[in-house]
């Protein structure tokens, strides 16, 4: 009776171990659970136009294509202090950034992430007929 009991115990332990390995292998094949989506990054926009000073350290970019106005907020990380927006006044620029709502005068407020110098002069708008 003892030999049968030991044999039954060994077979039971082998079966339990086999089931445990099977469960672990199945979990490993499934991989980690999917990551939860985080908050979406703000969308970046590109505007092109002429930069003008419209107040004390306030700069507005006017899109010469449709006349839209954008108040530009450029931090020291985007425009070095020695290369401030004042130097770009009257120049044509391409500005990449995110919109942060409306500013005074109907302009959209834009937080610049990149400023690309296009020309030292602004294009002349076509003559109205």
N, C-alpha and C. Protein backbone atom coordinates (compact mmCIF):
# COMPACT_ATOMS: atom_id res chain seq x y z
N UNK A 1 0.82 -1.18 0.00
CA UNK A 1 0.00 0.00 0.00
C UNK A 1 0.87 1.26 0.00
N UNK A 2 1.99 1.17 0.71
CA UNK A 2 2.87 2.34 0.76
C UNK A 2 3.46 2.67 -0.59
N UNK A 3 3.85 1.62 -1.38
CA UNK A 3 4.43 1.87 -2.70
C UNK A 3 3.40 2.54 -3.60
N UNK A 4 2.17 2.12 -3.51
CA UNK A 4 1.10 2.71 -4.32
C UNK A 4 0.85 4.17 -3.92
N UNK A 5 0.94 4.41 -2.61
CA UNK A 5 0.73 5.78 -2.12
C UNK A 5 1.83 6.70 -2.62
N UNK A 6 3.09 6.23 -2.54
CA UNK A 6 4.22 7.03 -3.02
C UNK A 6 4.13 7.26 -4.53
N UNK A 7 3.75 6.23 -5.25
CA UNK A 7 3.60 6.36 -6.69
C UNK A 7 2.50 7.37 -7.03
N UNK A 8 1.40 7.32 -6.31
CA UNK A 8 0.30 8.25 -6.52
C UNK A 8 0.73 9.68 -6.18
N UNK A 9 1.51 9.85 -5.14
CA UNK A 9 2.00 11.17 -4.75
C UNK A 9 2.94 11.73 -5.81
N UNK A 10 3.85 10.91 -6.32
CA UNK A 10 4.80 11.35 -7.35
C UNK A 10 4.04 11.74 -8.62
N UNK A 11 3.07 10.93 -9.03
CA UNK A 11 2.29 11.22 -10.22
C UNK A 11 1.50 12.51 -10.02
N UNK A 12 0.95 12.73 -8.86
CA UNK A 12 0.20 13.95 -8.55
C UNK A 12 1.08 15.18 -8.60
N UNK A 13 2.29 15.08 -8.03
CA UNK A 13 3.22 16.21 -8.06
C UNK A 13 3.67 16.52 -9.48
N UNK A 14 3.94 15.48 -10.28
CA UNK A 14 4.32 15.70 -11.67
C UNK A 14 3.20 16.37 -12.46
N UNK A 15 1.98 15.95 -12.22
CA UNK A 15 0.83 16.54 -12.92
C UNK A 15 0.66 18.01 -12.51
N UNK A 16 0.81 18.30 -11.22
CA UNK A 16 0.68 19.68 -10.75
C UNK A 16 1.79 20.56 -11.33
N UNK A 17 3.01 20.04 -11.36
CA UNK A 17 4.14 20.80 -11.93
C UNK A 17 3.93 21.04 -13.42
N UNK A 18 3.42 20.03 -14.11
CA UNK A 18 3.17 20.17 -15.53
C UNK A 18 2.11 21.24 -15.80
N UNK A 19 1.07 21.27 -14.98
CA UNK A 19 0.02 22.28 -15.14
C UNK A 19 0.58 23.68 -14.87
N UNK A 20 1.43 23.81 -13.86
CA UNK A 20 2.01 25.11 -13.53
C UNK A 20 2.89 25.61 -14.67
N UNK A 21 3.71 24.73 -15.25
CA UNK A 21 4.54 25.11 -16.38
C UNK A 21 3.69 25.49 -17.58
N UNK A 22 2.60 24.79 -17.78
CA UNK A 22 1.71 25.08 -18.90
C UNK A 22 1.08 26.46 -18.74
N UNK A 23 0.66 26.81 -17.53
CA UNK A 23 0.06 28.12 -17.27
C UNK A 23 1.10 29.22 -17.48
N UNK A 24 2.32 29.01 -16.99
CA UNK A 24 3.37 30.02 -17.16
C UNK A 24 3.75 30.19 -18.62
N UNK A 25 3.83 29.10 -19.37
CA UNK A 25 4.16 29.18 -20.80
C UNK A 25 3.07 29.93 -21.55
N UNK A 26 1.81 29.68 -21.21
CA UNK A 26 0.70 30.37 -21.86
C UNK A 26 0.75 31.87 -21.58
N UNK A 27 1.06 32.23 -20.33
CA UNK A 27 1.16 33.65 -19.97
C UNK A 27 2.33 34.32 -20.68
N UNK A 28 3.44 33.58 -20.84
CA UNK A 28 4.60 34.14 -21.52
C UNK A 28 4.31 34.37 -23.00
N UNK A 29 3.55 33.48 -23.62
CA UNK A 29 3.21 33.63 -25.03
C UNK A 29 2.30 34.84 -25.26
N UNK A 30 1.47 35.16 -24.30
CA UNK A 30 0.57 36.29 -24.45
C UNK A 30 1.31 37.61 -24.35
N UNK A 31 2.45 37.65 -23.70
CA UNK A 31 3.22 38.88 -23.56
C UNK A 31 2.65 39.76 -22.46
N UNK A 32 3.27 40.94 -22.28
CA UNK A 32 2.81 41.85 -21.22
C UNK A 32 1.46 42.45 -21.59
N UNK A 33 0.72 42.90 -20.59
CA UNK A 33 -0.56 43.54 -20.89
C UNK A 33 -0.34 44.82 -21.70
N UNK A 34 -1.28 45.20 -22.53
CA UNK A 34 -1.10 46.41 -23.34
C UNK A 34 -0.97 47.65 -22.46
N UNK A 35 -0.11 48.56 -22.91
CA UNK A 35 0.10 49.81 -22.16
C UNK A 35 -1.14 50.69 -22.26
N UNK A 36 -1.43 51.38 -21.18
CA UNK A 36 -2.56 52.31 -21.18
C UNK A 36 -2.15 53.56 -21.94
N UNK A 37 -3.00 54.07 -22.83
CA UNK A 37 -2.63 55.29 -23.56
C UNK A 37 -2.55 56.47 -22.61
N UNK A 38 -1.51 57.28 -22.81
CA UNK A 38 -1.34 58.48 -22.00
C UNK A 38 -2.00 59.66 -22.68
N UNK A 39 -1.88 60.82 -22.08
CA UNK A 39 -2.47 62.01 -22.71
C UNK A 39 -1.75 62.30 -24.03
N UNK A 40 -2.50 62.71 -25.01
CA UNK A 40 -1.93 63.01 -26.32
C UNK A 40 -1.07 64.27 -26.24
N UNK A 41 0.02 64.25 -26.98
CA UNK A 41 0.89 65.43 -27.04
C UNK A 41 0.17 66.55 -27.79
N UNK A 42 0.42 67.80 -27.42
CA UNK A 42 -0.23 68.89 -28.14
C UNK A 42 0.19 68.87 -29.62
N UNK A 43 -0.75 69.21 -30.48
CA UNK A 43 -0.48 69.20 -31.91
C UNK A 43 0.36 70.41 -32.28
N UNK A 44 1.38 70.20 -33.11
CA UNK A 44 2.25 71.28 -33.57
C UNK A 44 1.74 71.82 -34.90
N UNK A 45 1.73 73.14 -35.01
CA UNK A 45 1.30 73.83 -36.23
C UNK A 45 2.46 74.62 -36.80
N UNK A 46 2.38 74.95 -38.07
CA UNK A 46 3.39 75.75 -38.74
C UNK A 46 2.71 76.96 -39.35
N UNK A 47 3.23 78.16 -39.04
CA UNK A 47 2.71 79.39 -39.64
C UNK A 47 3.86 80.08 -40.34
N UNK A 48 3.54 80.82 -41.37
CA UNK A 48 4.53 81.49 -42.20
C UNK A 48 4.08 82.93 -42.40
N UNK A 49 4.97 83.87 -42.16
CA UNK A 49 4.58 85.26 -42.34
C UNK A 49 5.64 86.24 -41.90
N UNK A 50 5.21 87.48 -41.71
CA UNK A 50 6.09 88.58 -41.35
C UNK A 50 5.93 88.92 -39.87
N UNK A 51 7.06 89.13 -39.21
CA UNK A 51 7.04 89.44 -37.78
C UNK A 51 7.05 90.94 -37.56
N UNK A 52 6.17 91.41 -36.68
CA UNK A 52 6.10 92.83 -36.33
C UNK A 52 5.99 92.97 -34.81
N UNK A 53 6.58 94.04 -34.28
CA UNK A 53 6.44 94.34 -32.85
C UNK A 53 5.12 95.08 -32.68
N UNK A 54 4.26 94.56 -31.79
CA UNK A 54 2.95 95.18 -31.58
C UNK A 54 2.78 95.70 -30.17
N UNK A 55 3.84 95.66 -29.39
CA UNK A 55 3.79 96.14 -28.01
C UNK A 55 5.14 95.94 -27.36
N UNK A 56 5.21 96.25 -26.06
CA UNK A 56 6.45 96.08 -25.32
C UNK A 56 6.76 94.58 -25.21
N UNK A 57 7.75 94.12 -25.96
CA UNK A 57 8.15 92.72 -26.00
C UNK A 57 7.01 91.79 -26.46
N UNK A 58 6.11 92.31 -27.28
CA UNK A 58 5.02 91.54 -27.86
C UNK A 58 5.21 91.54 -29.36
N UNK A 59 5.24 90.34 -29.94
CA UNK A 59 5.47 90.21 -31.37
C UNK A 59 4.33 89.44 -32.01
N UNK A 60 3.94 89.89 -33.20
CA UNK A 60 2.84 89.27 -33.94
C UNK A 60 3.34 88.88 -35.32
N UNK A 61 2.99 87.69 -35.72
CA UNK A 61 3.31 87.23 -37.06
C UNK A 61 2.04 87.33 -37.90
N UNK A 62 2.14 88.02 -39.04
CA UNK A 62 0.99 88.16 -39.94
C UNK A 62 1.23 87.26 -41.14
N UNK A 63 0.32 86.31 -41.32
CA UNK A 63 0.40 85.41 -42.46
C UNK A 63 -0.02 86.19 -43.69
N UNK A 64 0.90 86.41 -44.62
CA UNK A 64 0.61 87.23 -45.79
C UNK A 64 -0.31 86.52 -46.78
N UNK A 65 -0.53 85.21 -46.59
CA UNK A 65 -1.40 84.47 -47.50
C UNK A 65 -2.87 84.76 -47.24
N UNK A 66 -3.24 84.81 -45.94
CA UNK A 66 -4.66 85.05 -45.63
C UNK A 66 -4.88 86.14 -44.59
N UNK A 67 -3.82 86.78 -44.13
CA UNK A 67 -3.95 87.89 -43.19
C UNK A 67 -4.14 87.48 -41.74
N UNK A 68 -4.07 86.19 -41.42
CA UNK A 68 -4.23 85.73 -40.03
C UNK A 68 -3.11 86.29 -39.16
N UNK A 69 -3.45 86.57 -37.89
CA UNK A 69 -2.48 87.11 -36.94
C UNK A 69 -2.19 86.10 -35.85
N UNK A 70 -0.91 85.99 -35.46
CA UNK A 70 -0.48 85.07 -34.41
C UNK A 70 0.45 85.82 -33.47
N UNK A 71 0.08 85.88 -32.19
CA UNK A 71 0.97 86.48 -31.19
C UNK A 71 1.97 85.41 -30.79
N UNK A 72 3.26 85.68 -30.94
CA UNK A 72 4.30 84.68 -30.75
C UNK A 72 4.91 84.77 -29.35
N UNK A 73 4.95 83.64 -28.67
CA UNK A 73 5.63 83.52 -27.38
C UNK A 73 6.83 82.61 -27.61
N UNK A 74 8.02 83.18 -27.58
CA UNK A 74 9.24 82.41 -27.80
C UNK A 74 10.11 82.48 -26.56
N UNK A 75 10.39 81.33 -25.98
CA UNK A 75 11.22 81.28 -24.78
C UNK A 75 12.70 81.32 -25.17
N UNK A 76 13.57 81.42 -24.17
CA UNK A 76 15.01 81.47 -24.40
C UNK A 76 15.52 80.17 -25.02
N UNK A 77 14.79 79.05 -24.85
CA UNK A 77 15.21 77.80 -25.45
C UNK A 77 15.03 77.82 -26.97
N UNK A 78 14.10 78.64 -27.46
CA UNK A 78 13.82 78.70 -28.89
C UNK A 78 14.62 79.82 -29.54
N UNK A 79 14.65 80.98 -28.91
CA UNK A 79 15.39 82.14 -29.43
C UNK A 79 16.37 82.55 -28.34
N UNK A 80 17.66 82.43 -28.63
CA UNK A 80 18.67 82.80 -27.64
C UNK A 80 18.55 84.29 -27.32
N UNK A 81 18.85 84.69 -26.07
CA UNK A 81 18.72 86.11 -25.70
C UNK A 81 19.48 87.04 -26.65
N UNK A 82 20.64 86.62 -27.16
CA UNK A 82 21.40 87.49 -28.08
C UNK A 82 20.75 87.52 -29.47
N UNK A 83 19.85 86.60 -29.74
CA UNK A 83 19.17 86.52 -31.03
C UNK A 83 17.67 86.63 -30.79
N UNK A 84 17.27 87.69 -30.10
CA UNK A 84 15.87 87.83 -29.69
C UNK A 84 14.96 88.08 -30.88
N UNK A 85 13.67 88.03 -30.61
CA UNK A 85 12.69 88.29 -31.66
C UNK A 85 12.82 89.70 -32.22
N UNK A 86 13.37 90.63 -31.43
CA UNK A 86 13.55 92.00 -31.92
C UNK A 86 14.41 92.01 -33.18
N UNK A 87 15.40 91.15 -33.24
CA UNK A 87 16.27 91.09 -34.40
C UNK A 87 15.50 90.64 -35.65
N UNK A 88 14.46 89.83 -35.47
CA UNK A 88 13.67 89.29 -36.58
C UNK A 88 12.52 90.21 -37.00
N UNK A 89 12.37 91.35 -36.36
CA UNK A 89 11.28 92.26 -36.73
C UNK A 89 11.40 92.68 -38.19
N UNK A 90 10.29 92.52 -38.93
CA UNK A 90 10.28 92.87 -40.35
C UNK A 90 10.78 91.76 -41.26
N UNK A 91 11.13 90.60 -40.68
CA UNK A 91 11.63 89.47 -41.47
C UNK A 91 10.51 88.47 -41.72
N UNK A 92 10.68 87.69 -42.78
CA UNK A 92 9.75 86.58 -43.05
C UNK A 92 10.27 85.36 -42.29
N UNK A 93 9.38 84.74 -41.51
CA UNK A 93 9.75 83.59 -40.69
C UNK A 93 8.77 82.45 -40.88
N UNK A 94 9.23 81.25 -40.59
CA UNK A 94 8.37 80.07 -40.47
C UNK A 94 8.47 79.67 -39.00
N UNK A 95 7.32 79.62 -38.33
CA UNK A 95 7.32 79.32 -36.89
C UNK A 95 6.51 78.07 -36.64
N UNK A 96 7.11 77.14 -35.91
CA UNK A 96 6.45 75.90 -35.50
C UNK A 96 6.08 76.05 -34.03
N UNK A 97 4.90 75.57 -33.64
CA UNK A 97 4.51 75.68 -32.24
C UNK A 97 3.11 75.18 -31.99
N UNK A 98 2.65 75.43 -30.77
CA UNK A 98 1.31 75.01 -30.34
C UNK A 98 0.48 76.24 -30.02
N UNK A 99 -0.80 76.16 -30.29
CA UNK A 99 -1.70 77.27 -30.00
C UNK A 99 -2.11 77.22 -28.55
N UNK A 100 -2.20 78.40 -27.92
CA UNK A 100 -2.54 78.51 -26.51
C UNK A 100 -3.73 79.42 -26.27
N UNK A 101 -4.62 79.52 -27.24
CA UNK A 101 -5.81 80.34 -27.06
C UNK A 101 -5.70 81.66 -27.79
N UNK A 102 -6.64 82.55 -27.48
CA UNK A 102 -6.71 83.84 -28.17
C UNK A 102 -5.96 84.91 -27.38
N UNK A 103 -5.37 85.83 -28.12
CA UNK A 103 -4.69 86.99 -27.52
C UNK A 103 -5.52 88.22 -27.83
N UNK A 104 -5.11 89.34 -27.29
CA UNK A 104 -5.82 90.60 -27.55
C UNK A 104 -5.74 90.94 -29.04
N UNK A 105 -6.77 91.57 -29.55
CA UNK A 105 -6.78 92.00 -30.94
C UNK A 105 -7.15 90.92 -31.93
N UNK A 106 -7.67 89.81 -31.46
CA UNK A 106 -8.11 88.75 -32.36
C UNK A 106 -7.03 87.79 -32.83
N UNK A 107 -5.80 87.99 -32.39
CA UNK A 107 -4.72 87.08 -32.79
C UNK A 107 -4.77 85.80 -31.96
N UNK A 108 -4.29 84.70 -32.54
CA UNK A 108 -4.13 83.47 -31.78
C UNK A 108 -2.77 83.51 -31.10
N UNK A 109 -2.71 83.06 -29.84
CA UNK A 109 -1.45 83.03 -29.11
C UNK A 109 -0.75 81.71 -29.44
N UNK A 110 0.51 81.79 -29.85
CA UNK A 110 1.26 80.60 -30.26
C UNK A 110 2.54 80.50 -29.46
N UNK A 111 2.77 79.34 -28.87
CA UNK A 111 4.01 79.04 -28.14
C UNK A 111 4.97 78.43 -29.15
N UNK A 112 6.03 79.17 -29.50
CA UNK A 112 6.97 78.73 -30.52
C UNK A 112 7.87 77.62 -29.98
N UNK A 113 8.06 76.59 -30.81
CA UNK A 113 9.01 75.53 -30.49
C UNK A 113 10.18 75.53 -31.45
N UNK A 114 10.00 76.18 -32.60
CA UNK A 114 11.07 76.30 -33.59
C UNK A 114 10.81 77.53 -34.46
N UNK A 115 11.86 78.29 -34.72
CA UNK A 115 11.76 79.46 -35.59
C UNK A 115 12.77 79.30 -36.72
N UNK A 116 12.26 79.39 -37.95
CA UNK A 116 13.13 79.26 -39.12
C UNK A 116 13.12 80.59 -39.87
N UNK A 117 14.30 81.12 -40.07
CA UNK A 117 14.48 82.38 -40.79
C UNK A 117 14.33 82.11 -42.27
N UNK A 118 13.44 82.86 -42.94
CA UNK A 118 13.21 82.69 -44.38
C UNK A 118 13.88 83.82 -45.17
N UNK A 119 13.58 85.06 -44.79
CA UNK A 119 14.10 86.19 -45.56
C UNK A 119 14.18 87.43 -44.67
N UNK A 120 15.08 88.35 -45.02
CA UNK A 120 15.18 89.59 -44.25
C UNK A 120 14.13 90.60 -44.66
N UNK A 121 13.38 90.29 -45.71
CA UNK A 121 12.29 91.17 -46.13
C UNK A 121 11.01 90.36 -46.25
N UNK A 122 9.91 91.03 -46.13
CA UNK A 122 8.60 90.39 -46.27
C UNK A 122 8.11 90.57 -47.69
N UNK A 123 7.41 89.57 -48.22
CA UNK A 123 6.89 89.73 -49.58
C UNK A 123 5.87 90.84 -49.65
N UNK A 124 5.85 91.51 -50.75
CA UNK A 124 4.88 92.57 -50.97
C UNK A 124 3.55 91.94 -51.36
N UNK A 125 2.48 92.30 -50.66
CA UNK A 125 1.18 91.70 -51.00
C UNK A 125 0.77 92.10 -52.41
N UNK A 126 0.06 91.21 -53.12
CA UNK A 126 -0.38 91.56 -54.47
C UNK A 126 -1.33 92.75 -54.43
N UNK A 127 -1.28 93.55 -55.50
CA UNK A 127 -2.14 94.73 -55.60
C UNK A 127 -3.60 94.30 -55.70
N UNK A 128 -4.45 95.00 -54.98
CA UNK A 128 -5.90 94.72 -55.01
C UNK A 128 -6.49 95.34 -56.26
N UNK A 129 -7.41 94.65 -56.92
CA UNK A 129 -8.05 95.18 -58.13
C UNK A 129 -9.36 95.82 -57.78
